[in-house]
Amino acid sequence: MRSGAPDLTGRTLLAVFAHPDDESIACGGLLTLCAEQGARVILLCATRGDHGGGTLDPDITSALRALRTTELAAAAAVLGIADVQFLDYRDAYLQATNWDLISADIEAVIVRERPDVVVTFGEDGLYWHPDHIVVHHATTDAVERIGPSGPALYYVTMPKGAIRTLVDTLRPRLADGDVPQVLGVTDADAFGVLAKPPTLVVDVGRVAARKLAALRCHRSQADGPLLVMRDDEAAALLGIEHFRRAPVGAEGDSFLDRLAAIG
C-alpha cells in the first residue's frame, strides 16, 4: 500500500466489460491503483472474445475461447484483479441478445458482490464497438434498478486523440507494411471521438508500465504499437485515464474521488 494514499481495505470495485483486453486498455491503471490500496477488484466479462478469429469454425472458436480466457487470467494477475467472472454470452452478438437478460445478469452480480463502485463503458463504447455499447446500457440499467442504495457508477472515456498520438509516436518503429492498429482497431481516431467530457481524471503514470504489461498479456490481440512501446514511454502514452460519473446509482463522493486526488 502506498503511503499517503487512501486505505481501500474493505472496499470493492466491479469492472464490467465485454471482452478480454477491454479492462486493460480502458482502465488498467485505475484497477491497479485500487488493488494496490487494498480494494477488492472484480472483473465481469460479458463474453470470452471468441469471435476475434473471424471464423465460425467450432474448433478454432473453442481454441480461441480457451486462449483468451488464459490471457485474461494473466492480465488480471498483473493488474491485481482478485476475481474474474464471465457471463459467457456470444461474442459479437450482444446486440442480437435480449439486453434485459444481460442487464439482469449484471444486476445479480452487483447484488451478490455489493461493490462500492462499478466501472463500465460510456455511451460511445470507447470507439463505438456494438458489444461495448450494449454493456454500457445493460450495466446502467442494472445500477439504476438498484437505485441510490447501490454502487456509484462511472463510465470510462478516453481523451480524443490519445490513441492517435500513441500510434503516430510508435509508427516509425513498426515493420514496413505493418498496419498500425491498437487491439485490432485500425482507426486510431475512433477512440474518444464524440465522447462526453470526463468528471474524473486519474493520473496512472506510476503504474502505466503494469498497464502495458497487462495489455501485452493479450497476445492474440496485441498489435505492433503495443509491442514496440517501451516501459519508460508508458506513462506518457497510457498514463492518464478519464471517467465520467453516471447520473444513476449512489450519490455523493466515492473512494475513486479520494484516490484520484492522490494519483
Protein backbone atom coordinates (compact mmCIF):
# COMPACT_ATOMS: atom_id res chain seq x y z
CA MET A 1 0.00 0.00 0.00
CA ARG A 2 1.37 3.38 -0.99
CA SER A 3 1.99 5.81 1.85
CA GLY A 4 -0.34 8.83 1.79
CA ALA A 5 -2.94 7.19 -0.43
CA PRO A 6 -6.36 6.23 0.96
CA ASP A 7 -6.70 2.83 2.58
CA LEU A 8 -9.28 0.99 0.48
CA THR A 9 -9.32 -2.18 2.54
CA GLY A 10 -12.87 -3.49 2.67
CA ARG A 11 -13.88 -1.60 -0.48
CA THR A 12 -14.87 -3.34 -3.72
CA LEU A 13 -14.71 -2.19 -7.32
CA LEU A 14 -16.54 -4.09 -10.04
CA ALA A 15 -15.42 -3.50 -13.64
CA VAL A 16 -17.94 -4.62 -16.28
CA PHE A 17 -16.67 -5.02 -19.83
CA ALA A 18 -17.43 -7.00 -22.98
CA HIS A 19 -14.22 -8.81 -23.93
CA PRO A 20 -10.83 -9.83 -22.60
CA ASP A 21 -8.43 -6.87 -23.10
CA ASP A 22 -11.16 -4.21 -22.60
CA GLU A 23 -10.20 -3.93 -18.95
CA SER A 24 -6.55 -3.22 -19.65
CA ILE A 25 -6.93 -0.54 -22.31
CA ALA A 26 -9.94 1.13 -20.67
CA CYS A 27 -8.81 1.41 -17.07
CA GLY A 28 -5.92 -0.92 -16.34
CA GLY A 29 -4.18 1.81 -14.38
CA LEU A 30 -7.16 2.55 -12.16
CA LEU A 31 -7.69 -1.14 -11.41
CA THR A 32 -4.05 -1.45 -10.40
CA LEU A 33 -4.14 1.62 -8.14
CA CYS A 34 -7.29 0.38 -6.40
CA ALA A 35 -5.84 -3.08 -5.84
CA GLU A 36 -2.59 -1.59 -4.52
CA GLN A 37 -4.52 0.36 -1.91
CA GLY A 38 -6.37 -2.70 -0.65
CA ALA A 39 -9.62 -2.69 -2.64
CA ARG A 40 -11.01 -5.96 -3.91
CA VAL A 41 -11.16 -5.60 -7.68
CA ILE A 42 -13.58 -7.84 -9.59
CA LEU A 43 -13.82 -8.06 -13.37
CA LEU A 44 -17.05 -9.18 -15.02
CA CYS A 45 -16.60 -10.02 -18.69
CA ALA A 46 -19.72 -10.50 -20.80
CA THR A 47 -18.00 -12.75 -23.38
CA ARG A 48 -14.74 -14.63 -23.81
CA GLY A 49 -13.85 -12.84 -27.04
CA ASP A 50 -14.02 -15.97 -29.19
CA HIS A 51 -15.22 -14.17 -32.32
CA GLY A 52 -11.89 -12.41 -32.72
CA GLY A 53 -10.59 -15.02 -35.11
CA GLY A 54 -13.16 -14.06 -37.72
CA THR A 55 -14.38 -17.62 -38.20
CA LEU A 56 -17.34 -19.76 -37.16
CA ASP A 57 -15.28 -22.99 -37.18
CA PRO A 58 -16.16 -24.53 -33.79
CA ASP A 59 -12.69 -25.95 -33.23
CA ILE A 60 -10.98 -22.63 -33.89
CA THR A 61 -13.57 -20.78 -31.85
CA SER A 62 -13.12 -23.16 -28.92
CA ALA A 63 -9.35 -22.81 -29.06
CA LEU A 64 -9.58 -19.01 -29.19
CA ARG A 65 -12.01 -19.00 -26.27
CA ALA A 66 -9.55 -21.00 -24.18
CA LEU A 67 -6.61 -18.85 -25.26
CA ARG A 68 -8.29 -15.55 -24.48
CA THR A 69 -9.50 -16.83 -21.12
CA THR A 70 -5.92 -17.75 -20.26
CA GLU A 71 -4.64 -14.39 -21.50
CA LEU A 72 -7.18 -12.57 -19.35
CA ALA A 73 -6.13 -14.53 -16.28
CA ALA A 74 -2.55 -13.44 -16.89
CA ALA A 75 -3.53 -9.79 -17.37
CA ALA A 76 -5.69 -9.88 -14.25
CA ALA A 77 -2.73 -11.11 -12.21
CA VAL A 78 -0.61 -8.22 -13.47
CA LEU A 79 -3.30 -5.64 -12.63
CA GLY A 80 -4.09 -7.10 -9.22
CA ILE A 81 -7.63 -8.18 -10.10
CA ALA A 82 -8.80 -10.57 -7.41
CA ASP A 83 -11.63 -12.29 -9.27
CA VAL A 84 -12.55 -12.70 -12.95
CA GLN A 85 -16.11 -13.73 -13.76
CA PHE A 86 -17.77 -14.40 -17.12
CA LEU A 87 -21.36 -14.18 -18.29
CA ASP A 88 -20.47 -16.31 -21.33
CA TYR A 89 -22.61 -14.52 -23.86
CA ARG A 90 -21.71 -14.96 -27.51
CA ASP A 91 -19.01 -12.58 -28.66
CA ALA A 92 -20.08 -10.07 -31.36
CA TYR A 93 -23.75 -10.97 -30.85
CA LEU A 94 -24.66 -8.90 -27.81
CA GLN A 95 -26.81 -6.58 -29.92
CA ALA A 96 -28.84 -9.59 -31.02
CA THR A 97 -29.24 -10.80 -27.44
CA ASN A 98 -32.03 -9.77 -25.10
CA TRP A 99 -30.47 -6.75 -23.37
CA ASP A 100 -32.78 -7.21 -20.39
CA LEU A 101 -31.27 -10.64 -19.78
CA ILE A 102 -27.74 -9.24 -19.88
CA SER A 103 -28.74 -6.43 -17.53
CA ALA A 104 -30.40 -8.88 -15.12
CA ASP A 105 -27.23 -10.98 -15.05
CA ILE A 106 -25.12 -7.91 -14.31
CA GLU A 107 -27.56 -6.85 -11.58
CA ALA A 108 -27.30 -10.28 -9.99
CA VAL A 109 -23.51 -9.94 -9.78
CA ILE A 110 -23.82 -6.45 -8.29
CA VAL A 111 -26.28 -7.68 -5.66
CA ARG A 112 -24.06 -10.66 -4.82
CA GLU A 113 -20.72 -8.82 -4.69
CA ARG A 114 -22.03 -5.49 -3.29
CA PRO A 115 -19.36 -3.26 -4.88
CA ASP A 116 -18.92 0.32 -3.74
CA VAL A 117 -18.07 1.36 -7.29
CA VAL A 118 -18.90 -0.02 -10.74
CA VAL A 119 -16.89 0.99 -13.81
CA THR A 120 -18.04 0.29 -17.37
CA PHE A 121 -18.14 1.77 -20.87
CA GLY A 122 -19.63 5.14 -21.71
CA GLU A 123 -22.22 5.62 -24.43
CA ASP A 124 -19.52 5.57 -27.09
CA GLY A 125 -18.08 2.22 -26.03
CA LEU A 126 -14.58 3.80 -26.29
CA TYR A 127 -14.67 3.50 -30.09
CA TRP A 128 -18.29 2.69 -30.95
CA HIS A 129 -17.98 -1.09 -30.69
CA PRO A 130 -21.54 -2.53 -30.68
CA ASP A 131 -20.83 -5.04 -27.89
CA HIS A 132 -19.36 -2.28 -25.73
CA ILE A 133 -22.43 -0.11 -26.21
CA VAL A 134 -24.73 -2.96 -25.15
CA VAL A 135 -22.69 -3.46 -21.98
CA HIS A 136 -22.93 0.26 -21.26
CA HIS A 137 -26.73 0.23 -21.45
CA ALA A 138 -27.14 -3.08 -19.62
CA THR A 139 -24.90 -2.00 -16.74
CA THR A 140 -26.54 1.41 -16.47
CA ASP A 141 -29.98 -0.18 -16.32
CA ALA A 142 -28.81 -2.64 -13.66
CA VAL A 143 -27.41 0.10 -11.41
CA GLU A 144 -30.48 2.29 -11.97
CA ARG A 145 -32.80 -0.51 -10.83
CA ILE A 146 -30.83 -0.92 -7.61
CA GLY A 147 -31.03 2.81 -7.01
CA PRO A 148 -29.20 5.11 -4.59
CA SER A 149 -28.53 2.26 -2.15
CA GLY A 150 -26.36 0.61 -4.82
CA PRO A 151 -22.87 1.43 -6.08
CA ALA A 152 -21.52 4.60 -7.61
CA LEU A 153 -21.30 4.16 -11.38
CA TYR A 154 -18.52 5.55 -13.55
CA TYR A 155 -18.14 5.45 -17.32
CA VAL A 156 -14.72 5.02 -18.88
CA THR A 157 -13.99 7.57 -21.54
CA MET A 158 -10.87 8.48 -23.45
CA PRO A 159 -9.42 11.83 -24.49
CA LYS A 160 -9.85 12.40 -28.18
CA GLY A 161 -6.53 11.97 -29.96
CA ALA A 162 -4.84 9.90 -27.24
CA ILE A 163 -4.63 6.72 -29.31
CA ARG A 164 -3.74 8.72 -32.44
CA THR A 165 -0.77 10.18 -30.52
CA LEU A 166 0.23 6.69 -29.37
CA VAL A 167 0.11 5.27 -32.89
CA ASP A 168 1.90 8.20 -34.52
CA THR A 169 4.64 8.16 -31.87
CA LEU A 170 5.38 4.48 -32.34
CA ARG A 171 4.73 4.16 -36.08
CA PRO A 172 8.42 4.69 -37.06
CA ARG A 173 9.36 1.51 -35.19
CA LEU A 174 6.85 -0.70 -36.95
CA ALA A 175 8.00 -3.01 -39.70
CA ASP A 176 7.38 -1.90 -43.27
CA GLY A 177 3.89 -2.93 -44.31
CA ASP A 178 2.55 -3.25 -40.77
CA VAL A 179 -0.87 -1.69 -40.36
CA PRO A 180 -0.75 0.43 -37.20
CA GLN A 181 -3.63 -0.69 -35.01
CA VAL A 182 -4.44 -0.99 -31.33
CA LEU A 183 -6.14 -4.19 -30.17
CA GLY A 184 -7.36 -4.82 -33.70
CA VAL A 185 -8.80 -1.33 -34.20
CA THR A 186 -7.26 0.26 -37.30
CA ASP A 187 -8.95 3.65 -36.94
CA ALA A 188 -6.99 5.32 -34.15
CA ASP A 189 -9.24 8.38 -34.43
CA ALA A 190 -12.31 6.36 -33.42
CA PHE A 191 -11.16 6.28 -29.80
CA GLY A 192 -12.76 9.10 -27.83
CA VAL A 193 -14.45 10.78 -30.76
CA LEU A 194 -17.67 12.48 -29.61
CA ALA A 195 -17.09 11.24 -26.05
CA LYS A 196 -18.57 13.42 -23.34
CA PRO A 197 -16.11 15.30 -21.11
CA PRO A 198 -14.81 13.46 -18.04
CA THR A 199 -15.73 14.35 -14.48
CA LEU A 200 -12.75 12.46 -13.07
CA VAL A 201 -9.20 12.33 -14.44
CA VAL A 202 -6.79 9.87 -12.85
CA ASP A 203 -3.02 10.03 -13.25
CA VAL A 204 -1.94 6.39 -13.51
CA GLY A 205 1.54 7.13 -14.81
CA ARG A 206 3.16 5.48 -11.81
CA VAL A 207 1.62 2.12 -12.77
CA ALA A 208 1.47 2.62 -16.56
CA ALA A 209 4.20 0.04 -17.16
CA ARG A 210 1.99 -2.54 -15.46
CA LYS A 211 -0.91 -1.46 -17.64
CA LEU A 212 1.30 -2.02 -20.69
CA ALA A 213 2.38 -5.41 -19.35
CA ALA A 214 -1.27 -6.40 -18.93
CA LEU A 215 -2.06 -5.33 -22.48
CA ARG A 216 0.80 -7.48 -23.72
CA CYS A 217 -0.67 -10.48 -21.88
CA HIS A 218 -3.42 -10.39 -24.51
CA ARG A 219 -1.01 -11.77 -27.07
CA SER A 220 -3.70 -12.83 -29.54
CA GLN A 221 -4.87 -9.22 -29.73
CA ALA A 222 -1.77 -7.12 -29.04
CA ASP A 223 -0.60 -5.25 -32.13
CA GLY A 224 2.58 -3.54 -33.29
CA PRO A 225 2.33 -0.27 -31.32
CA LEU A 226 1.80 -2.06 -28.00
CA LEU A 227 4.60 -4.50 -28.73
CA VAL A 228 7.19 -1.86 -29.60
CA MET A 229 6.30 0.58 -26.80
CA ARG A 230 8.98 0.78 -24.12
CA ASP A 231 8.11 0.67 -20.43
CA ASP A 232 9.56 4.15 -19.96
CA GLU A 233 7.14 5.50 -22.58
CA ALA A 234 4.04 4.03 -20.98
CA ALA A 235 3.48 6.90 -18.54
CA ALA A 236 3.32 9.46 -21.36
CA LEU A 237 1.22 7.33 -23.72
CA LEU A 238 -1.00 5.37 -21.31
CA GLY A 239 -0.72 7.30 -18.07
CA ILE A 240 -3.96 9.31 -17.95
CA GLU A 241 -7.38 7.71 -17.61
CA HIS A 242 -10.71 9.53 -17.91
CA PHE A 243 -14.02 8.72 -16.25
CA ARG A 244 -17.45 10.28 -16.06
CA ARG A 245 -19.83 9.87 -13.14
CA ALA A 246 -23.16 8.41 -14.19
CA PRO A 247 -26.44 10.09 -13.19
CA VAL A 248 -27.67 6.84 -11.59
CA GLY A 249 -26.55 4.85 -8.59
CA ALA A 250 -25.18 6.06 -5.27
CA GLU A 251 -24.84 9.76 -4.69
CA GLY A 252 -22.00 11.69 -3.06
CA ASP A 253 -18.26 11.16 -3.26
CA SER A 254 -16.88 7.68 -3.77
CA PHE A 255 -13.46 6.27 -2.98
CA LEU A 256 -12.42 6.96 -6.58
CA ASP A 257 -12.61 10.68 -5.89
CA ARG A 258 -10.18 10.28 -2.98
CA LEU A 259 -7.89 8.02 -4.98
CA ALA A 260 -7.80 10.42 -7.94
CA ALA A 261 -6.69 13.23 -5.66
CA ILE A 262 -3.54 11.25 -4.84
CA GLY A 263 -2.73 9.77 -8.27
